Amino acid sequence: MEQISLILADAHLVVREGMKSLLADREDLKVVGEAASSDNLEQLMTEHRPQIVVMDYDLRGYFDVSDVKRVKEINPNTEILIITSNLSKDNLHRVMGYGANGFLLKECDREEIIGAIYAMANREKFFCQKVLDILMEKDTEGGHNCVPTKLSKREMEVVKLVAEGHTTQKIADQLCLSIHTVNTHRKNIMRKLEVKTAAELVIYAVNMGIVQLET
């Protein structure tokens, strides 16, 4: 069995131990290192070059946003899953800009965390709904449940092409799919993201860095 290698980066021992306990029954997930500080993380990254780093970037004096950037500098192929309590929109955009493709809150449950790890091992993005609401500038005072929102690689391709303004026919031709399949993907994407218009889908694509606005 091919194992997925992980480094856990959190200043708090109880959090790291809790995470290891959550993953203990998964034989295909292997924790190869635990980092309690930025320096420790850099050393472990150089030594192990893991597939995934699970980290909280918002621990003053131990970790910050720049550590996300440093992980990617050491190994661009390492995926970064953020699990934090900080819902600052500015920080969300910064860590995503540095290459974090997964973002959960510490209130998310075991299945969401494990699901996010597997999604990221498959090079997919994974965000809980509260994070998406902030990125989409939706009102979160009513409180969405912290449920996962994962788009497959194919769905990400469809989002990108829709956001770039391609017609359904052109998307079908480019991806070698039928028009019906493309429409099905679009419906599934909009249901998952809780958006109703193509304009909202474009906003999502821009916020996630899937497409870039021309300047």
N, C-alpha and C. Protein backbone atom coordinates (compact mmCIF):
# COMPACT_ATOMS: atom_id res chain seq x y z
N MET A 1 0.84 -1.19 0.00
CA MET A 1 0.00 0.00 0.00
C MET A 1 0.88 1.26 0.00
N GLU A 2 0.63 2.14 -0.96
CA GLU A 2 1.38 3.39 -1.02
C GLU A 2 0.84 4.35 0.02
N GLN A 3 1.71 4.84 0.87
CA GLN A 3 1.29 5.70 1.96
C GLN A 3 1.40 7.18 1.58
N ILE A 4 0.49 7.97 2.14
CA ILE A 4 0.51 9.42 1.97
C ILE A 4 1.27 9.99 3.17
N SER A 5 2.37 10.69 2.91
CA SER A 5 3.20 11.21 3.99
C SER A 5 2.73 12.60 4.41
N LEU A 6 2.71 12.83 5.73
CA LEU A 6 2.23 14.09 6.27
C LEU A 6 3.17 14.62 7.34
N ILE A 7 3.26 15.94 7.41
CA ILE A 7 3.86 16.62 8.55
C ILE A 7 2.76 17.42 9.23
N LEU A 8 2.69 17.33 10.54
CA LEU A 8 1.73 18.09 11.33
C LEU A 8 2.45 19.29 11.93
N ALA A 9 1.97 20.48 11.64
CA ALA A 9 2.62 21.70 12.11
C ALA A 9 1.65 22.50 12.96
N ASP A 10 1.83 22.42 14.26
CA ASP A 10 1.01 23.16 15.20
C ASP A 10 1.80 23.30 16.50
N ALA A 11 1.75 24.47 17.11
CA ALA A 11 2.55 24.72 18.31
C ALA A 11 2.05 23.93 19.52
N HIS A 12 0.81 23.49 19.47
CA HIS A 12 0.20 22.85 20.62
C HIS A 12 0.29 21.33 20.54
N LEU A 13 0.94 20.73 21.51
CA LEU A 13 1.10 19.28 21.56
C LEU A 13 -0.24 18.57 21.54
N VAL A 14 -1.22 19.09 22.26
CA VAL A 14 -2.52 18.42 22.33
C VAL A 14 -3.19 18.37 20.96
N VAL A 15 -2.97 19.40 20.13
CA VAL A 15 -3.55 19.41 18.79
C VAL A 15 -2.87 18.36 17.92
N ARG A 16 -1.54 18.29 18.00
CA ARG A 16 -0.82 17.31 17.20
C ARG A 16 -1.18 15.89 17.62
N GLU A 17 -1.27 15.66 18.92
CA GLU A 17 -1.65 14.33 19.41
C GLU A 17 -3.07 13.99 18.99
N GLY A 18 -3.96 14.98 19.04
CA GLY A 18 -5.33 14.75 18.60
C GLY A 18 -5.41 14.40 17.13
N MET A 19 -4.61 15.09 16.32
CA MET A 19 -4.59 14.80 14.89
C MET A 19 -4.06 13.39 14.63
N LYS A 20 -3.00 13.01 15.31
CA LYS A 20 -2.46 11.66 15.14
C LYS A 20 -3.49 10.62 15.54
N SER A 21 -4.24 10.90 16.58
CA SER A 21 -5.29 9.98 17.01
C SER A 21 -6.38 9.83 15.95
N LEU A 22 -6.73 10.94 15.29
CA LEU A 22 -7.73 10.90 14.22
C LEU A 22 -7.28 10.04 13.05
N LEU A 23 -5.97 10.02 12.80
CA LEU A 23 -5.43 9.33 11.63
C LEU A 23 -4.93 7.92 11.94
N ALA A 24 -4.99 7.54 13.21
CA ALA A 24 -4.32 6.31 13.65
C ALA A 24 -4.81 5.05 12.95
N ASP A 25 -6.08 5.00 12.57
CA ASP A 25 -6.61 3.78 11.97
C ASP A 25 -6.48 3.78 10.44
N ARG A 26 -5.82 4.78 9.88
CA ARG A 26 -5.64 4.87 8.43
C ARG A 26 -4.23 4.41 8.07
N GLU A 27 -4.12 3.19 7.57
CA GLU A 27 -2.81 2.63 7.28
C GLU A 27 -2.12 3.32 6.11
N ASP A 28 -2.90 4.00 5.27
CA ASP A 28 -2.30 4.66 4.11
C ASP A 28 -1.91 6.11 4.40
N LEU A 29 -2.09 6.56 5.64
CA LEU A 29 -1.68 7.90 6.05
C LEU A 29 -0.55 7.77 7.07
N LYS A 30 0.59 8.37 6.78
CA LYS A 30 1.75 8.24 7.66
C LYS A 30 2.28 9.61 8.07
N VAL A 31 2.25 9.88 9.37
CA VAL A 31 2.83 11.11 9.90
C VAL A 31 4.34 10.92 10.01
N VAL A 32 5.08 11.67 9.19
CA VAL A 32 6.54 11.50 9.17
C VAL A 32 7.25 12.55 10.02
N GLY A 33 6.51 13.52 10.53
CA GLY A 33 7.15 14.53 11.36
C GLY A 33 6.13 15.44 12.02
N GLU A 34 6.52 16.02 13.16
CA GLU A 34 5.69 16.98 13.88
C GLU A 34 6.52 18.24 14.13
N ALA A 35 5.97 19.37 13.71
CA ALA A 35 6.67 20.64 13.88
C ALA A 35 5.95 21.52 14.88
N ALA A 36 6.72 22.05 15.84
CA ALA A 36 6.15 22.93 16.85
C ALA A 36 6.50 24.39 16.60
N SER A 37 7.29 24.66 15.55
CA SER A 37 7.69 26.03 15.25
C SER A 37 8.11 26.12 13.79
N SER A 38 8.31 27.35 13.31
CA SER A 38 8.73 27.58 11.92
C SER A 38 10.05 26.89 11.61
N ASP A 39 11.04 27.06 12.50
CA ASP A 39 12.35 26.46 12.27
C ASP A 39 12.26 24.94 12.21
N ASN A 40 11.47 24.39 13.10
CA ASN A 40 11.27 22.95 13.14
C ASN A 40 10.62 22.46 11.85
N LEU A 41 9.65 23.22 11.36
CA LEU A 41 8.95 22.85 10.12
C LEU A 41 9.91 22.87 8.94
N GLU A 42 10.73 23.90 8.85
CA GLU A 42 11.68 24.00 7.74
C GLU A 42 12.65 22.81 7.73
N GLN A 43 13.11 22.44 8.90
CA GLN A 43 14.03 21.30 9.02
C GLN A 43 13.36 20.01 8.57
N LEU A 44 12.14 19.78 9.03
CA LEU A 44 11.42 18.56 8.68
C LEU A 44 11.05 18.53 7.20
N MET A 45 10.70 19.70 6.64
CA MET A 45 10.38 19.77 5.21
C MET A 45 11.59 19.37 4.37
N THR A 46 12.75 19.86 4.73
CA THR A 46 13.98 19.55 4.00
C THR A 46 14.31 18.07 4.11
N GLU A 47 14.06 17.51 5.28
CA GLU A 47 14.40 16.11 5.52
C GLU A 47 13.43 15.14 4.86
N HIS A 48 12.13 15.44 4.94
CA HIS A 48 11.12 14.45 4.51
C HIS A 48 10.43 14.79 3.19
N ARG A 49 10.30 16.05 2.84
CA ARG A 49 9.59 16.47 1.62
C ARG A 49 8.26 15.72 1.49
N PRO A 50 7.34 15.94 2.43
CA PRO A 50 6.09 15.17 2.49
C PRO A 50 5.12 15.54 1.38
N GLN A 51 4.11 14.69 1.19
CA GLN A 51 3.07 15.01 0.24
C GLN A 51 2.17 16.12 0.75
N ILE A 52 1.92 16.13 2.06
CA ILE A 52 0.98 17.10 2.64
C ILE A 52 1.52 17.63 3.95
N VAL A 53 1.36 18.94 4.15
CA VAL A 53 1.59 19.56 5.46
C VAL A 53 0.24 20.02 5.99
N VAL A 54 -0.09 19.58 7.19
CA VAL A 54 -1.31 20.03 7.86
C VAL A 54 -0.87 21.03 8.91
N MET A 55 -1.32 22.29 8.78
CA MET A 55 -0.78 23.31 9.67
C MET A 55 -1.78 24.39 10.05
N ASP A 56 -1.49 25.04 11.19
CA ASP A 56 -2.17 26.27 11.58
C ASP A 56 -1.15 27.39 11.45
N TYR A 57 -1.41 28.32 10.54
CA TYR A 57 -0.46 29.40 10.27
C TYR A 57 -0.60 30.55 11.26
N ASP A 58 -1.65 30.52 12.10
CA ASP A 58 -1.96 31.67 12.94
C ASP A 58 -1.65 31.39 14.41
N LEU A 59 -0.37 31.17 14.70
CA LEU A 59 0.07 30.91 16.08
C LEU A 59 1.27 31.82 16.35
N ARG A 60 0.98 33.00 16.85
CA ARG A 60 1.99 34.05 16.99
C ARG A 60 3.20 33.55 17.78
N GLY A 61 4.36 33.78 17.20
CA GLY A 61 5.60 33.37 17.84
C GLY A 61 6.02 31.96 17.44
N TYR A 62 5.15 31.26 16.73
CA TYR A 62 5.46 29.88 16.32
C TYR A 62 5.31 29.70 14.81
N PHE A 63 4.14 30.07 14.27
CA PHE A 63 3.88 29.96 12.84
C PHE A 63 3.15 31.20 12.37
N ASP A 64 3.37 31.57 11.09
CA ASP A 64 2.59 32.65 10.49
C ASP A 64 2.43 32.38 9.00
N VAL A 65 1.80 33.32 8.30
CA VAL A 65 1.49 33.13 6.88
C VAL A 65 2.73 32.84 6.05
N SER A 66 3.86 33.44 6.41
CA SER A 66 5.08 33.24 5.63
C SER A 66 5.54 31.78 5.62
N ASP A 67 5.12 31.00 6.62
CA ASP A 67 5.51 29.58 6.65
C ASP A 67 4.85 28.80 5.52
N VAL A 68 3.67 29.24 5.11
CA VAL A 68 3.01 28.60 3.97
C VAL A 68 3.86 28.79 2.72
N LYS A 69 4.32 30.01 2.54
CA LYS A 69 5.19 30.31 1.39
C LYS A 69 6.48 29.51 1.45
N ARG A 70 7.06 29.40 2.64
CA ARG A 70 8.33 28.69 2.79
C ARG A 70 8.20 27.21 2.47
N VAL A 71 7.09 26.60 2.88
CA VAL A 71 6.86 25.18 2.56
C VAL A 71 6.90 24.96 1.05
N LYS A 72 6.25 25.85 0.31
CA LYS A 72 6.20 25.72 -1.15
C LYS A 72 7.57 26.00 -1.78
N GLU A 73 8.35 26.86 -1.16
CA GLU A 73 9.69 27.13 -1.68
C GLU A 73 10.58 25.90 -1.53
N ILE A 74 10.43 25.20 -0.40
CA ILE A 74 11.25 24.02 -0.17
C ILE A 74 10.83 22.88 -1.08
N ASN A 75 9.53 22.68 -1.21
CA ASN A 75 9.03 21.61 -2.08
C ASN A 75 7.71 22.04 -2.71
N PRO A 76 7.72 22.52 -3.95
CA PRO A 76 6.50 22.97 -4.61
C PRO A 76 5.43 21.88 -4.74
N ASN A 77 5.83 20.62 -4.65
CA ASN A 77 4.87 19.53 -4.80
C ASN A 77 4.13 19.19 -3.51
N THR A 78 4.55 19.77 -2.41
CA THR A 78 3.86 19.51 -1.14
C THR A 78 2.55 20.29 -1.11
N GLU A 79 1.45 19.60 -0.80
CA GLU A 79 0.16 20.25 -0.65
C GLU A 79 0.03 20.75 0.79
N ILE A 80 -0.68 21.86 0.98
CA ILE A 80 -0.81 22.46 2.30
C ILE A 80 -2.29 22.52 2.68
N LEU A 81 -2.61 21.88 3.79
CA LEU A 81 -3.96 21.91 4.35
C LEU A 81 -3.92 22.76 5.62
N ILE A 82 -4.62 23.88 5.58
CA ILE A 82 -4.71 24.77 6.75
C ILE A 82 -5.88 24.33 7.62
N ILE A 83 -5.61 24.15 8.92
CA ILE A 83 -6.69 23.92 9.89
C ILE A 83 -6.47 24.94 11.00
N THR A 84 -7.34 25.93 11.08
CA THR A 84 -7.12 27.06 11.97
C THR A 84 -8.44 27.57 12.51
N SER A 85 -8.37 28.56 13.38
CA SER A 85 -9.56 29.26 13.87
C SER A 85 -9.65 30.66 13.29
N ASN A 86 -8.63 31.07 12.53
CA ASN A 86 -8.56 32.42 11.98
C ASN A 86 -9.31 32.50 10.66
N LEU A 87 -10.38 33.29 10.64
CA LEU A 87 -11.19 33.42 9.43
C LEU A 87 -11.02 34.78 8.76
N SER A 88 -9.87 35.42 8.98
CA SER A 88 -9.59 36.69 8.32
C SER A 88 -9.57 36.51 6.81
N LYS A 89 -10.36 37.31 6.10
CA LYS A 89 -10.41 37.19 4.64
C LYS A 89 -9.06 37.52 4.02
N ASP A 90 -8.38 38.53 4.53
CA ASP A 90 -7.07 38.88 4.00
C ASP A 90 -6.09 37.71 4.13
N ASN A 91 -6.10 37.08 5.29
CA ASN A 91 -5.20 35.94 5.48
C ASN A 91 -5.58 34.76 4.61
N LEU A 92 -6.88 34.56 4.42
CA LEU A 92 -7.33 33.49 3.51
C LEU A 92 -6.72 33.68 2.13
N HIS A 93 -6.83 34.90 1.62
CA HIS A 93 -6.30 35.17 0.29
C HIS A 93 -4.78 35.03 0.25
N ARG A 94 -4.12 35.44 1.31
CA ARG A 94 -2.66 35.36 1.33
C ARG A 94 -2.19 33.91 1.32
N VAL A 95 -2.75 33.07 2.17
CA VAL A 95 -2.28 31.68 2.23
C VAL A 95 -2.63 30.94 0.94
N MET A 96 -3.78 31.29 0.34
CA MET A 96 -4.12 30.68 -0.94
C MET A 96 -3.16 31.14 -2.03
N GLY A 97 -2.79 32.42 -1.97
CA GLY A 97 -1.83 32.93 -2.94
C GLY A 97 -0.47 32.28 -2.82
N TYR A 98 -0.14 31.85 -1.61
CA TYR A 98 1.13 31.16 -1.39
C TYR A 98 1.07 29.68 -1.71
N GLY A 99 -0.13 29.17 -2.00
CA GLY A 99 -0.22 27.79 -2.45
C GLY A 99 -0.99 26.83 -1.58
N ALA A 100 -1.68 27.32 -0.54
CA ALA A 100 -2.52 26.43 0.27
C ALA A 100 -3.80 26.12 -0.49
N ASN A 101 -4.08 24.85 -0.74
CA ASN A 101 -5.25 24.45 -1.52
C ASN A 101 -6.36 23.83 -0.69
N GLY A 102 -6.16 23.79 0.62
CA GLY A 102 -7.19 23.27 1.51
C GLY A 102 -7.30 24.16 2.73
N PHE A 103 -8.53 24.39 3.20
CA PHE A 103 -8.71 25.27 4.35
C PHE A 103 -9.93 24.81 5.14
N LEU A 104 -9.66 24.37 6.38
CA LEU A 104 -10.73 23.95 7.29
C LEU A 104 -10.62 24.74 8.59
N LEU A 105 -11.68 24.70 9.37
CA LEU A 105 -11.68 25.29 10.69
C LEU A 105 -11.46 24.20 11.73
N LYS A 106 -10.97 24.60 12.90
CA LYS A 106 -10.71 23.61 13.94
C LYS A 106 -11.99 23.01 14.50
N GLU A 107 -13.13 23.57 14.13
CA GLU A 107 -14.40 22.97 14.53
C GLU A 107 -14.87 21.89 13.57
N CYS A 108 -14.20 21.74 12.44
CA CYS A 108 -14.58 20.71 11.47
C CYS A 108 -14.36 19.32 12.07
N ASP A 109 -15.15 18.36 11.61
CA ASP A 109 -15.09 17.04 12.24
C ASP A 109 -14.08 16.12 11.57
N ARG A 110 -13.96 14.93 12.13
CA ARG A 110 -12.96 13.94 11.70
C ARG A 110 -13.09 13.59 10.22
N GLU A 111 -14.31 13.34 9.77
CA GLU A 111 -14.50 12.92 8.39
C GLU A 111 -14.13 14.02 7.41
N GLU A 112 -14.40 15.28 7.78
CA GLU A 112 -14.00 16.39 6.92
C GLU A 112 -12.49 16.48 6.80
N ILE A 113 -11.81 16.33 7.93
CA ILE A 113 -10.35 16.42 7.93
C ILE A 113 -9.75 15.30 7.09
N ILE A 114 -10.20 14.09 7.30
CA ILE A 114 -9.67 12.96 6.54
C ILE A 114 -10.03 13.11 5.06
N GLY A 115 -11.26 13.56 4.78
CA GLY A 115 -11.67 13.79 3.39
C GLY A 115 -10.80 14.83 2.72
N ALA A 116 -10.45 15.87 3.46
CA ALA A 116 -9.59 16.93 2.91
C ALA A 116 -8.20 16.39 2.59
N ILE A 117 -7.67 15.56 3.46
CA ILE A 117 -6.33 14.99 3.24
C ILE A 117 -6.32 14.14 1.97
N TYR A 118 -7.33 13.29 1.80
CA TYR A 118 -7.38 12.45 0.61
C TYR A 118 -7.59 13.30 -0.65
N ALA A 119 -8.42 14.33 -0.55
CA ALA A 119 -8.66 15.21 -1.70
C ALA A 119 -7.36 15.87 -2.13
N MET A 120 -6.60 16.35 -1.17
CA MET A 120 -5.37 17.04 -1.49
C MET A 120 -4.30 16.09 -2.01
N ALA A 121 -4.32 14.86 -1.54
CA ALA A 121 -3.40 13.86 -2.09
C ALA A 121 -3.69 13.63 -3.57
N ASN A 122 -4.94 13.90 -3.98
CA ASN A 122 -5.34 13.77 -5.39
C ASN A 122 -5.25 15.11 -6.13
N ARG A 123 -4.59 16.09 -5.52
CA ARG A 123 -4.39 17.42 -6.12
C ARG A 123 -5.70 18.15 -6.33
N GLU A 124 -6.64 17.96 -5.41
CA GLU A 124 -7.91 18.66 -5.47
C GLU A 124 -7.95 19.72 -4.38
N LYS A 125 -8.74 20.77 -4.59
CA LYS A 125 -8.93 21.80 -3.58
C LYS A 125 -10.04 21.36 -2.63
N PHE A 126 -9.96 21.82 -1.38
CA PHE A 126 -10.95 21.41 -0.39
C PHE A 126 -11.13 22.53 0.62
N PHE A 127 -12.37 23.05 0.72
CA PHE A 127 -12.67 24.13 1.65
C PHE A 127 -13.98 23.83 2.35
N CYS A 128 -14.06 24.15 3.65
CA CYS A 128 -15.35 24.00 4.32
C CYS A 128 -16.24 25.17 3.90
N GLN A 129 -17.54 25.02 4.10
CA GLN A 129 -18.50 25.99 3.58
C GLN A 129 -18.33 27.36 4.20
N LYS A 130 -17.96 27.44 5.47
CA LYS A 130 -17.78 28.75 6.10
C LYS A 130 -16.66 29.54 5.42
N VAL A 131 -15.61 28.85 5.04
CA VAL A 131 -14.50 29.49 4.34
C VAL A 131 -14.96 29.99 2.98
N LEU A 132 -15.70 29.17 2.27
CA LEU A 132 -16.21 29.57 0.95
C LEU A 132 -17.13 30.78 1.07
N ASP A 133 -17.96 30.81 2.11
CA ASP A 133 -18.87 31.94 2.29
C ASP A 133 -18.09 33.25 2.44
N ILE A 134 -17.00 33.20 3.18
CA ILE A 134 -16.18 34.40 3.36
C ILE A 134 -15.55 34.83 2.04
N LEU A 135 -15.02 33.87 1.30
CA LEU A 135 -14.39 34.18 0.02
C LEU A 135 -15.41 34.71 -0.99
N MET A 136 -16.62 34.22 -0.90
CA MET A 136 -17.68 34.67 -1.81
C MET A 136 -18.41 35.90 -1.28
N GLU A 137 -17.97 36.41 -0.11
CA GLU A 137 -18.55 37.60 0.51
C GLU A 137 -20.03 37.41 0.79
N LYS A 138 -20.37 36.20 1.25
CA LYS A 138 -21.75 35.93 1.66
C LYS A 138 -21.90 36.23 3.14
N ASP A 139 -23.13 36.48 3.56
CA ASP A 139 -23.41 36.73 4.96
C ASP A 139 -23.29 35.43 5.74
N THR A 140 -22.40 35.41 6.72
CA THR A 140 -22.20 34.18 7.50
C THR A 140 -22.78 34.29 8.90
N GLU A 141 -23.48 35.40 9.19
CA GLU A 141 -24.00 35.55 10.55
C GLU A 141 -25.06 34.51 10.85
N GLY A 142 -25.79 34.08 9.82
CA GLY A 142 -26.78 33.04 10.03
C GLY A 142 -26.15 31.71 10.35
N GLY A 143 -24.87 31.57 9.94
CA GLY A 143 -24.12 30.39 10.33
C GLY A 143 -24.36 29.17 9.48
N HIS A 144 -23.59 28.99 8.45
CA HIS A 144 -23.58 27.72 7.74
C HIS A 144 -22.94 26.67 8.63
N ASN A 145 -23.39 25.46 8.51
CA ASN A 145 -22.66 24.38 9.14
C ASN A 145 -21.30 24.26 8.47
N CYS A 146 -20.34 23.81 9.22
CA CYS A 146 -18.99 23.69 8.66
C CYS A 146 -18.92 22.39 7.86
N VAL A 147 -19.49 22.41 6.67
CA VAL A 147 -19.53 21.22 5.84
C VAL A 147 -18.51 21.35 4.73
N PRO A 148 -17.98 20.22 4.25
CA PRO A 148 -16.94 20.30 3.24
C PRO A 148 -17.47 20.63 1.86
N THR A 149 -16.68 21.32 1.09
CA THR A 149 -16.99 21.56 -0.31
C THR A 149 -15.77 21.20 -1.13
N LYS A 150 -15.89 20.13 -1.89
CA LYS A 150 -14.76 19.65 -2.68
C LYS A 150 -15.16 19.58 -4.14
N LEU A 151 -14.32 20.12 -4.99
CA LEU A 151 -14.53 20.00 -6.43
C LEU A 151 -13.51 19.03 -6.99
N SER A 152 -13.96 18.16 -7.86
CA SER A 152 -13.05 17.22 -8.51
C SER A 152 -12.18 17.95 -9.51
N LYS A 153 -11.15 17.26 -10.01
CA LYS A 153 -10.28 17.87 -11.03
C LYS A 153 -11.09 18.28 -12.25
N ARG A 154 -12.01 17.43 -12.68
CA ARG A 154 -12.82 17.75 -13.85
C ARG A 154 -13.71 18.96 -13.58
N GLU A 155 -14.29 19.04 -12.39
CA GLU A 155 -15.12 20.18 -12.06
C GLU A 155 -14.31 21.47 -12.03
N MET A 156 -13.07 21.38 -11.54
CA MET A 156 -12.20 22.55 -11.54
C MET A 156 -11.92 23.02 -12.97
N GLU A 157 -11.73 22.05 -13.88
CA GLU A 157 -11.50 22.40 -15.28
C GLU A 157 -12.71 23.12 -15.86
N VAL A 158 -13.91 22.63 -15.54
CA VAL A 158 -15.13 23.25 -16.04
C VAL A 158 -15.28 24.66 -15.48
N VAL A 159 -15.02 24.83 -14.18
CA VAL A 159 -15.10 26.16 -13.57
C VAL A 159 -14.17 27.13 -14.29
N LYS A 160 -12.95 26.70 -14.54
CA LYS A 160 -11.98 27.57 -15.19
C LYS A 160 -12.47 28.00 -16.57
N LEU A 161 -12.97 27.06 -17.35
CA LEU A 161 -13.41 27.38 -18.71
C LEU A 161 -14.66 28.25 -18.71
N VAL A 162 -15.58 27.98 -17.78
CA VAL A 162 -16.78 28.83 -17.66
C VAL A 162 -16.36 30.26 -17.31
N ALA A 163 -15.45 30.38 -16.34
CA ALA A 163 -15.00 31.70 -15.90
C ALA A 163 -14.27 32.45 -16.99
N GLU A 164 -13.64 31.71 -17.91
CA GLU A 164 -12.94 32.33 -19.03
C GLU A 164 -13.88 32.72 -20.15
N GLY A 165 -15.17 32.38 -19.99
CA GLY A 165 -16.17 32.83 -20.94
C GLY A 165 -16.47 31.87 -22.08
N HIS A 166 -16.02 30.62 -21.98
CA HIS A 166 -16.25 29.66 -23.05
C HIS A 166 -17.70 29.16 -23.03
N THR A 167 -18.23 28.90 -24.19
CA THR A 167 -19.58 28.35 -24.29
C THR A 167 -19.57 26.89 -23.88
N THR A 168 -20.78 26.38 -23.62
CA THR A 168 -20.91 24.96 -23.24
C THR A 168 -20.37 24.06 -24.35
N GLN A 169 -20.66 24.42 -25.60
CA GLN A 169 -20.18 23.61 -26.73
C GLN A 169 -18.65 23.59 -26.78
N LYS A 170 -18.04 24.76 -26.57
CA LYS A 170 -16.58 24.83 -26.63
C LYS A 170 -15.94 24.06 -25.48
N ILE A 171 -16.56 24.14 -24.30
CA ILE A 171 -16.06 23.38 -23.15
C ILE A 171 -16.14 21.89 -23.43
N ALA A 172 -17.26 21.47 -24.01
CA ALA A 172 -17.44 20.06 -24.35
C ALA A 172 -16.39 19.60 -25.34
N ASP A 173 -16.15 20.42 -26.34
CA ASP A 173 -15.15 20.06 -27.35
C ASP A 173 -13.75 20.00 -26.74
N GLN A 174 -13.41 20.97 -25.91
CA GLN A 174 -12.06 21.04 -25.35
C GLN A 174 -11.78 19.90 -24.39
N LEU A 175 -12.82 19.49 -23.63
CA LEU A 175 -12.63 18.42 -22.64
C LEU A 175 -13.04 17.05 -23.17
N CYS A 176 -13.45 17.01 -24.44
CA CYS A 176 -13.90 15.75 -25.06
C CYS A 176 -15.06 15.14 -24.29
N LEU A 177 -16.04 15.98 -23.98
CA LEU A 177 -17.23 15.55 -23.26
C LEU A 177 -18.46 15.89 -24.08
N SER A 178 -19.58 15.30 -23.72
CA SER A 178 -20.84 15.68 -24.36
C SER A 178 -21.37 16.96 -23.71
N ILE A 179 -22.24 17.66 -24.42
CA ILE A 179 -22.85 18.86 -23.87
C ILE A 179 -23.64 18.52 -22.61
N HIS A 180 -24.32 17.39 -22.63
CA HIS A 180 -25.08 16.95 -21.46
C HIS A 180 -24.17 16.78 -20.24
N THR A 181 -23.00 16.18 -20.44
CA THR A 181 -22.07 15.96 -19.33
C THR A 181 -21.57 17.28 -18.77
N VAL A 182 -21.27 18.22 -19.66
CA VAL A 182 -20.81 19.54 -19.21
C VAL A 182 -21.90 20.23 -18.39
N ASN A 183 -23.13 20.17 -18.87
CA ASN A 183 -24.24 20.78 -18.14
C ASN A 183 -24.44 20.12 -16.78
N THR A 184 -24.25 18.81 -16.72
CA THR A 184 -24.35 18.10 -15.45
C THR A 184 -23.27 18.55 -14.49
N HIS A 185 -22.05 18.70 -15.00
CA HIS A 185 -20.96 19.21 -14.16
C HIS A 185 -21.29 20.60 -13.62
N ARG A 186 -21.81 21.46 -14.48
CA ARG A 186 -22.14 22.83 -14.05
C ARG A 186 -23.19 22.82 -12.95
N LYS A 187 -24.20 21.99 -13.10
CA LYS A 187 -25.25 21.91 -12.08
C LYS A 187 -24.68 21.42 -10.75
N ASN A 188 -23.82 20.40 -10.83
CA ASN A 188 -23.22 19.87 -9.61
C ASN A 188 -22.32 20.89 -8.93
N ILE A 189 -21.55 21.61 -9.75
CA ILE A 189 -20.65 22.64 -9.22
C ILE A 189 -21.45 23.72 -8.50
N MET A 190 -22.49 24.21 -9.13
CA MET A 190 -23.28 25.30 -8.55
C MET A 190 -24.03 24.84 -7.31
N ARG A 191 -24.42 23.57 -7.29
CA ARG A 191 -25.06 23.03 -6.09
C ARG A 191 -24.05 22.96 -4.95
N LYS A 192 -22.85 22.45 -5.24
CA LYS A 192 -21.82 22.33 -4.20
C LYS A 192 -21.42 23.69 -3.64
N LEU A 193 -21.28 24.68 -4.52
CA LEU A 193 -20.81 26.00 -4.10
C LEU A 193 -21.94 26.90 -3.63
N GLU A 194 -23.17 26.44 -3.81
CA GLU A 194 -24.35 27.23 -3.43
C GLU A 194 -24.37 28.57 -4.16
N VAL A 195 -24.08 28.52 -5.46
CA VAL A 195 -24.19 29.72 -6.29
C VAL A 195 -25.28 29.49 -7.32
N LYS A 196 -25.84 30.57 -7.82
CA LYS A 196 -26.99 30.45 -8.73
C LYS A 196 -26.73 31.03 -10.11
N THR A 197 -25.67 31.81 -10.25
CA THR A 197 -25.42 32.47 -11.53
C THR A 197 -23.99 32.24 -11.98
N ALA A 198 -23.77 32.42 -13.28
CA ALA A 198 -22.42 32.30 -13.82
C ALA A 198 -21.51 33.38 -13.25
N ALA A 199 -22.09 34.55 -12.95
CA ALA A 199 -21.29 35.64 -12.37
C ALA A 199 -20.71 35.23 -11.02
N GLU A 200 -21.50 34.58 -10.19
CA GLU A 200 -21.00 34.11 -8.90
C GLU A 200 -19.92 33.05 -9.09
N LEU A 201 -20.08 32.25 -10.13
CA LEU A 201 -19.08 31.23 -10.42
C LEU A 201 -17.75 31.87 -10.83
N VAL A 202 -17.84 32.97 -11.57
CA VAL A 202 -16.62 33.70 -11.95
C VAL A 202 -15.95 34.28 -10.71
N ILE A 203 -16.74 34.84 -9.79
CA ILE A 203 -16.18 35.38 -8.55
C ILE A 203 -15.46 34.28 -7.78
N TYR A 204 -16.07 33.12 -7.71
CA TYR A 204 -15.44 31.99 -7.04
C TYR A 204 -14.10 31.66 -7.70
N ALA A 205 -14.10 31.59 -9.03
CA ALA A 205 -12.88 31.22 -9.76
C ALA A 205 -11.77 32.23 -9.54
N VAL A 206 -12.12 33.51 -9.48
CA VAL A 206 -11.12 34.55 -9.23
C VAL A 206 -10.59 34.46 -7.81
N ASN A 207 -11.50 34.32 -6.84
CA ASN A 207 -11.10 34.25 -5.44
C ASN A 207 -10.22 33.04 -5.15
N MET A 208 -10.47 31.95 -5.86
CA MET A 208 -9.69 30.73 -5.66
C MET A 208 -8.41 30.69 -6.47
N GLY A 209 -8.21 31.74 -7.28
CA GLY A 209 -7.00 31.76 -8.09
C GLY A 209 -7.04 30.82 -9.29
N ILE A 210 -8.25 30.37 -9.65
CA ILE A 210 -8.39 29.46 -10.79
C ILE A 210 -8.18 30.23 -12.09
N VAL A 211 -8.66 31.47 -12.11
CA VAL A 211 -8.40 32.35 -13.25
C VAL A 211 -7.87 33.67 -12.71
N GLN A 212 -7.18 34.39 -13.54
CA GLN A 212 -6.60 35.68 -13.17
C GLN A 212 -7.32 36.78 -13.94
N LEU A 213 -7.64 37.87 -13.23
CA LEU A 213 -8.21 39.03 -13.91
C LEU A 213 -7.13 39.76 -14.68
N GLU A 214 -7.44 40.19 -15.88
CA GLU A 214 -6.48 40.96 -16.67
C GLU A 214 -6.38 42.37 -16.12
N THR A 215 -5.16 42.91 -16.05
CA THR A 215 -4.98 44.26 -15.53
C THR A 215 -4.61 45.20 -16.66
